[in-house]
């Protein structure tokens, strides 16, 4: 099973996809056909749009983006390299309203000099929000990179109560 839905939010159009194991992909403000094409290429099967089946997960994401929800508890279907999975598991342990630097994440997972690789793993995260890579900052309280764009990362951090975040 590979299903997806799309809905409007304060951040623009949100696309979410699930497999039978859980949420597998999330993106913002991309064309629906591009999202579907990327999804199908990643999982090598046809994706079916099913707004009704994904209504609950869409509602959870919507509530999170409005600052009404602080965590996700549903299943996630994460697929990546062993290093990426290690980084993504650590990101899930960063509490709502907190942030770490790329260097701190590298140290926490036992690879203190791999902070650039941590950044790459964050960039490859297929389910931002559920795996909160927006909570990872560059040194000096700077945004660093973010797959959904630096303005989105800044807004997500502001929703979580962060102040004085610098884009560059």
C-alpha atoms as a PDB file:
ATOM      1  CA  UNK A   1       0.000   0.000   0.000  1.00  0.00           C
ATOM      2  CA  UNK A   2       1.234   3.469  -0.880  1.00  0.00           C
ATOM      3  CA  UNK A   3      -1.220   6.308  -0.307  1.00  0.00           C
ATOM      4  CA  UNK A   4      -0.953  10.062  -0.098  1.00  0.00           C
ATOM      5  CA  UNK A   5      -3.011  13.130   0.649  1.00  0.00           C
ATOM      6  CA  UNK A   6      -2.589  16.870   0.228  1.00  0.00           C
ATOM      7  CA  UNK A   7      -4.090  19.758   2.173  1.00  0.00           C
ATOM      8  CA  UNK A   8      -3.722  23.498   2.631  1.00  0.00           C
ATOM      9  CA  UNK A   9      -2.027  24.840   5.734  1.00  0.00           C
ATOM     10  CA  UNK A  10      -0.610  28.096   7.057  1.00  0.00           C
ATOM     11  CA  UNK A  11       2.665  26.958   5.474  1.00  0.00           C
ATOM     12  CA  UNK A  12       1.158  26.221   2.061  1.00  0.00           C
ATOM     13  CA  UNK A  13       0.228  22.896   0.515  1.00  0.00           C
ATOM     14  CA  UNK A  14       1.277  19.875   2.602  1.00  0.00           C
ATOM     15  CA  UNK A  15       1.685  16.445   1.011  1.00  0.00           C
ATOM     16  CA  UNK A  16       1.872  13.339   3.208  1.00  0.00           C
ATOM     17  CA  UNK A  17       2.369   9.720   2.146  1.00  0.00           C
ATOM     18  CA  UNK A  18       2.071   6.449   4.031  1.00  0.00           C
ATOM     19  CA  UNK A  19       2.934   2.819   3.506  1.00  0.00           C
ATOM     20  CA  UNK A  20       1.438  -0.031   5.491  1.00  0.00           C
ATOM     21  CA  UNK A  21       4.276   0.594   8.020  1.00  0.00           C
ATOM     22  CA  UNK A  22       3.583   4.296   8.608  1.00  0.00           C
ATOM     23  CA  UNK A  23       4.217   7.822   7.354  1.00  0.00           C
ATOM     24  CA  UNK A  24       6.986   7.629   4.768  1.00  0.00           C
ATOM     25  CA  UNK A  25       7.192  11.053   3.136  1.00  0.00           C
ATOM     26  CA  UNK A  26       6.142  14.643   3.774  1.00  0.00           C
ATOM     27  CA  UNK A  27       6.737  17.749   1.695  1.00  0.00           C
ATOM     28  CA  UNK A  28       5.507  21.330   1.473  1.00  0.00           C
ATOM     29  CA  UNK A  29       4.719  23.562  -1.457  1.00  0.00           C
ATOM     30  CA  UNK A  30       5.706  21.226  -4.260  1.00  0.00           C
ATOM     31  CA  UNK A  31       3.430  20.418  -7.146  1.00  0.00           C
ATOM     32  CA  UNK A  32       1.273  17.384  -6.328  1.00  0.00           C
ATOM     33  CA  UNK A  33       2.337  15.581  -9.507  1.00  0.00           C
ATOM     34  CA  UNK A  34       6.020  16.111  -8.587  1.00  0.00           C
ATOM     35  CA  UNK A  35       5.381  14.795  -5.061  1.00  0.00           C
ATOM     36  CA  UNK A  36       3.621  11.725  -6.446  1.00  0.00           C
ATOM     37  CA  UNK A  37       6.376  11.082  -8.992  1.00  0.00           C
ATOM     38  CA  UNK A  38       9.091  11.330  -6.312  1.00  0.00           C
ATOM     39  CA  UNK A  39       7.079   9.091  -3.984  1.00  0.00           C
ATOM     40  CA  UNK A  40       6.534   6.424  -6.623  1.00  0.00           C
ATOM     41  CA  UNK A  41      10.201   6.490  -7.665  1.00  0.00           C
ATOM     42  CA  UNK A  42      11.340   6.160  -4.055  1.00  0.00           C
ATOM     43  CA  UNK A  43       9.068   3.199  -3.302  1.00  0.00           C
ATOM     44  CA  UNK A  44       8.902   1.723  -6.799  1.00  0.00           C
ATOM     45  CA  UNK A  45       5.151   1.341  -6.840  1.00  0.00           C
ATOM     46  CA  UNK A  46       2.026   3.273  -7.757  1.00  0.00           C
ATOM     47  CA  UNK A  47       0.700   5.720  -5.165  1.00  0.00           C
ATOM     48  CA  UNK A  48      -3.011   6.246  -4.699  1.00  0.00           C
ATOM     49  CA  UNK A  49      -4.511   9.496  -3.443  1.00  0.00           C
ATOM     50  CA  UNK A  50      -6.753   8.734  -0.471  1.00  0.00           C
ATOM     51  CA  UNK A  51      -7.767  11.808   1.522  1.00  0.00           C
ATOM     52  CA  UNK A  52     -10.241   9.900   3.672  1.00  0.00           C
ATOM     53  CA  UNK A  53      -7.792   7.184   4.781  1.00  0.00           C
ATOM     54  CA  UNK A  54      -5.169   9.784   5.703  1.00  0.00           C
ATOM     55  CA  UNK A  55      -7.550  12.240   7.348  1.00  0.00           C
ATOM     56  CA  UNK A  56      -6.229  11.561  10.860  1.00  0.00           C
ATOM     57  CA  UNK A  57      -2.550  12.004  10.015  1.00  0.00           C
ATOM     58  CA  UNK A  58      -3.361  15.139   8.007  1.00  0.00           C
ATOM     59  CA  UNK A  59      -5.232  16.526  11.014  1.00  0.00           C
ATOM     60  CA  UNK A  60      -2.254  15.825  13.302  1.00  0.00           C
ATOM     61  CA  UNK A  61       0.149  17.592  10.936  1.00  0.00           C
ATOM     62  CA  UNK A  62      -2.235  20.519  10.553  1.00  0.00           C
ATOM     63  CA  UNK A  63      -2.555  20.872  14.331  1.00  0.00           C
ATOM     64  CA  UNK A  64       1.235  20.740  14.701  1.00  0.00           C
ATOM     65  CA  UNK A  65       1.699  23.478  12.117  1.00  0.00           C
ATOM     66  CA  UNK A  66      -0.791  25.624  14.042  1.00  0.00           C
ATOM     67  CA  UNK A  67       1.128  25.122  17.298  1.00  0.00           C
ATOM     68  CA  UNK A  68      -1.626  22.982  18.834  1.00  0.00           C
ATOM     69  CA  UNK A  69       0.272  19.690  18.867  1.00  0.00           C
ATOM     70  CA  UNK A  70       3.803  19.100  20.155  1.00  0.00           C
ATOM     71  CA  UNK A  71       4.631  15.555  19.019  1.00  0.00           C
ATOM     72  CA  UNK A  72       3.730  12.729  16.696  1.00  0.00           C
ATOM     73  CA  UNK A  73       3.024   9.283  18.052  1.00  0.00           C
ATOM     74  CA  UNK A  74       2.009   7.336  14.959  1.00  0.00           C
ATOM     75  CA  UNK A  75       4.222   4.889  13.096  1.00  0.00           C
ATOM     76  CA  UNK A  76       6.883   6.135  10.698  1.00  0.00           C
ATOM     77  CA  UNK A  77       8.367   4.115   7.837  1.00  0.00           C
ATOM     78  CA  UNK A  78      11.958   5.365   7.777  1.00  0.00           C
ATOM     79  CA  UNK A  79      14.289   4.080   5.084  1.00  0.00           C
ATOM     80  CA  UNK A  80      17.863   5.245   4.826  1.00  0.00           C
ATOM     81  CA  UNK A  81      21.476   4.331   5.414  1.00  0.00           C
ATOM     82  CA  UNK A  82      22.508   3.082   8.876  1.00  0.00           C
ATOM     83  CA  UNK A  83      24.068   6.501   9.567  1.00  0.00           C
ATOM     84  CA  UNK A  84      20.934   8.379   8.467  1.00  0.00           C
ATOM     85  CA  UNK A  85      18.745   6.141  10.624  1.00  0.00           C
ATOM     86  CA  UNK A  86      21.017   6.772  13.618  1.00  0.00           C
ATOM     87  CA  UNK A  87      20.756  10.541  13.091  1.00  0.00           C
ATOM     88  CA  UNK A  88      16.981  10.416  12.548  1.00  0.00           C
ATOM     89  CA  UNK A  89      16.448   8.351  15.713  1.00  0.00           C
ATOM     90  CA  UNK A  90      18.418  10.941  17.678  1.00  0.00           C
ATOM     91  CA  UNK A  91      16.427  13.811  16.157  1.00  0.00           C
ATOM     92  CA  UNK A  92      13.251  12.173  17.444  1.00  0.00           C
ATOM     93  CA  UNK A  93      14.660  12.459  20.973  1.00  0.00           C
ATOM     94  CA  UNK A  94      15.094  16.256  20.793  1.00  0.00           C
ATOM     95  CA  UNK A  95      12.150  17.623  22.803  1.00  0.00           C
ATOM     96  CA  UNK A  96       9.640  20.124  21.468  1.00  0.00           C
ATOM     97  CA  UNK A  97      10.932  23.635  22.108  1.00  0.00           C
ATOM     98  CA  UNK A  98      14.586  22.544  22.304  1.00  0.00           C
ATOM     99  CA  UNK A  99      17.304  22.598  19.674  1.00  0.00           C
ATOM    100  CA  UNK A 100      20.768  21.163  19.174  1.00  0.00           C
ATOM    101  CA  UNK A 101      23.570  22.077  16.821  1.00  0.00           C
ATOM    102  CA  UNK A 102      24.781  19.787  14.056  1.00  0.00           C
ATOM    103  CA  UNK A 103      27.951  19.308  16.117  1.00  0.00           C
ATOM    104  CA  UNK A 104      25.970  18.338  19.237  1.00  0.00           C
ATOM    105  CA  UNK A 105      24.010  15.752  17.260  1.00  0.00           C
ATOM    106  CA  UNK A 106      27.254  14.322  15.853  1.00  0.00           C
ATOM    107  CA  UNK A 107      28.678  14.068  19.360  1.00  0.00           C
ATOM    108  CA  UNK A 108      25.480  12.511  20.725  1.00  0.00           C
ATOM    109  CA  UNK A 109      25.547   9.704  18.159  1.00  0.00           C
ATOM    110  CA  UNK A 110      29.238   8.974  18.747  1.00  0.00           C
ATOM    111  CA  UNK A 111      30.716  10.596  15.626  1.00  0.00           C
ATOM    112  CA  UNK A 112      31.947  13.970  16.898  1.00  0.00           C
ATOM    113  CA  UNK A 113      33.578  15.080  13.645  1.00  0.00           C
ATOM    114  CA  UNK A 114      30.656  14.095  11.405  1.00  0.00           C
ATOM    115  CA  UNK A 115      28.607  17.262  11.844  1.00  0.00           C
ATOM    116  CA  UNK A 116      28.505  17.869   8.076  1.00  0.00           C
ATOM    117  CA  UNK A 117      27.311  14.315   7.541  1.00  0.00           C
ATOM    118  CA  UNK A 118      24.639  15.017  10.168  1.00  0.00           C
ATOM    119  CA  UNK A 119      23.585  18.008   8.076  1.00  0.00           C
ATOM    120  CA  UNK A 120      23.374  15.795   5.005  1.00  0.00           C
ATOM    121  CA  UNK A 121      21.288  13.241   6.908  1.00  0.00           C
ATOM    122  CA  UNK A 122      18.955  16.028   8.044  1.00  0.00           C
ATOM    123  CA  UNK A 123      18.653  17.151   4.428  1.00  0.00           C
ATOM    124  CA  UNK A 124      17.731  13.622   3.344  1.00  0.00           C
ATOM    125  CA  UNK A 125      15.032  13.283   6.013  1.00  0.00           C
ATOM    126  CA  UNK A 126      11.874  12.178   4.159  1.00  0.00           C
ATOM    127  CA  UNK A 127       9.497  13.023   7.010  1.00  0.00           C
ATOM    128  CA  UNK A 128      10.331  16.447   8.405  1.00  0.00           C
ATOM    129  CA  UNK A 129       8.143  17.376  11.384  1.00  0.00           C
ATOM    130  CA  UNK A 130       7.765  13.708  12.445  1.00  0.00           C
ATOM    131  CA  UNK A 131      11.565  13.500  12.530  1.00  0.00           C
ATOM    132  CA  UNK A 132      12.163  17.103  13.637  1.00  0.00           C
ATOM    133  CA  UNK A 133      15.289  18.075  11.723  1.00  0.00           C
ATOM    134  CA  UNK A 134      14.178  21.702  12.048  1.00  0.00           C
ATOM    135  CA  UNK A 135      15.399  21.472  15.657  1.00  0.00           C
ATOM    136  CA  UNK A 136      19.008  21.235  14.485  1.00  0.00           C
ATOM    137  CA  UNK A 137      20.832  24.550  14.136  1.00  0.00           C
ATOM    138  CA  UNK A 138      24.190  25.705  12.896  1.00  0.00           C
ATOM    139  CA  UNK A 139      26.507  27.285  15.432  1.00  0.00           C
ATOM    140  CA  UNK A 140      25.641  30.794  16.567  1.00  0.00           C
ATOM    141  CA  UNK A 141      21.882  30.096  16.656  1.00  0.00           C
ATOM    142  CA  UNK A 142      21.746  30.162  12.858  1.00  0.00           C
ATOM    143  CA  UNK A 143      19.220  28.244  10.775  1.00  0.00           C
ATOM    144  CA  UNK A 144      21.701  26.369   8.600  1.00  0.00           C
ATOM    145  CA  UNK A 145      20.097  24.377   5.816  1.00  0.00           C
ATOM    146  CA  UNK A 146      16.591  22.994   5.623  1.00  0.00           C
ATOM    147  CA  UNK A 147      14.946  21.021   2.867  1.00  0.00           C
ATOM    148  CA  UNK A 148      11.653  22.891   3.197  1.00  0.00           C
ATOM    149  CA  UNK A 149      13.418  26.264   3.131  1.00  0.00           C
ATOM    150  CA  UNK A 150      14.979  28.491   5.799  1.00  0.00           C
ATOM    151  CA  UNK A 151      11.821  30.589   6.293  1.00  0.00           C
ATOM    152  CA  UNK A 152       9.787  27.446   7.065  1.00  0.00           C
ATOM    153  CA  UNK A 153      12.440  26.258   9.521  1.00  0.00           C
ATOM    154  CA  UNK A 154      12.424  29.654  11.229  1.00  0.00           C
ATOM    155  CA  UNK A 155       8.614  29.629  11.512  1.00  0.00           C
ATOM    156  CA  UNK A 156       8.609  26.075  12.910  1.00  0.00           C
ATOM    157  CA  UNK A 157      11.166  27.056  15.526  1.00  0.00           C
ATOM    158  CA  UNK A 158       9.163  30.177  16.408  1.00  0.00           C
ATOM    159  CA  UNK A 159       6.023  28.041  16.864  1.00  0.00           C
ATOM    160  CA  UNK A 160       8.068  25.999  19.344  1.00  0.00           C
ATOM    161  CA  UNK A 161       9.060  29.142  21.249  1.00  0.00           C
ATOM    162  CA  UNK A 162      12.536  29.883  19.894  1.00  0.00           C
ATOM    163  CA  UNK A 163      13.496  33.530  19.614  1.00  0.00           C
ATOM    164  CA  UNK A 164      16.372  35.318  17.897  1.00  0.00           C
ATOM    165  CA  UNK A 165      16.959  32.646  15.266  1.00  0.00           C
ATOM    166  CA  UNK A 166      19.120  33.974  12.441  1.00  0.00           C
ATOM    167  CA  UNK A 167      18.602  32.862   8.867  1.00  0.00           C
ATOM    168  CA  UNK A 168      22.259  33.399   7.898  1.00  0.00           C
END
